[in-house]
Amino acid sequence: MKRVAALRDLSDDHHSALVIARRCKRATGGDDALWQRVREAFAGHLEPHFQIEDRHLLPALEAIGEARLAERIRADHAELRALASEASPTPATIRRFGAVLGEHVRFEEREVFEPTQGRLSESALQAIAEACRTLPRSCPVFD
């Protein structure tokens, strides 16, 4: 199913998140520069994305009876925020961040956006789209 227009920006954000996740999952040690870039991407791209979801998507999911999905997203966001707050993480922590982020994106795409997009209210979709237009999100380029 094609992504509804109001969710397209959030869905597009997921591509960058998957690139970040892949780089983190491959971390082997001595990755201070990588982690700095990840933290910059978290602050400028992932956290604003999470805020849009927290403020607009999660209440909309709960309104259609999908509290379980909303709770999973909240838990993922909390874990990712905690991992990203590590100033000097171990390689295992970096890899964990990558694994959680990758699983989170796939969960949202397959189990949240796909089955619920046709059930979300028009006002909720409009609020999500407006938030995506107005909340700046930028991601540093990862090779």
Foldseek 3Di string as FASTA:
>chain_A
DDFPPLCVLLLVLLVLLLLLLVVLLPDDDPPLVSLVQVLVQCVFAVVLSLVLCVVQVLVQCVVLPNNVLSVVSVVLVVLLVVLNVDNDDGSVSSSVNSVSSNVSSVCCVPVNRVPCVVPGDPVSSVSSSVSSVPRGHDHDDDD
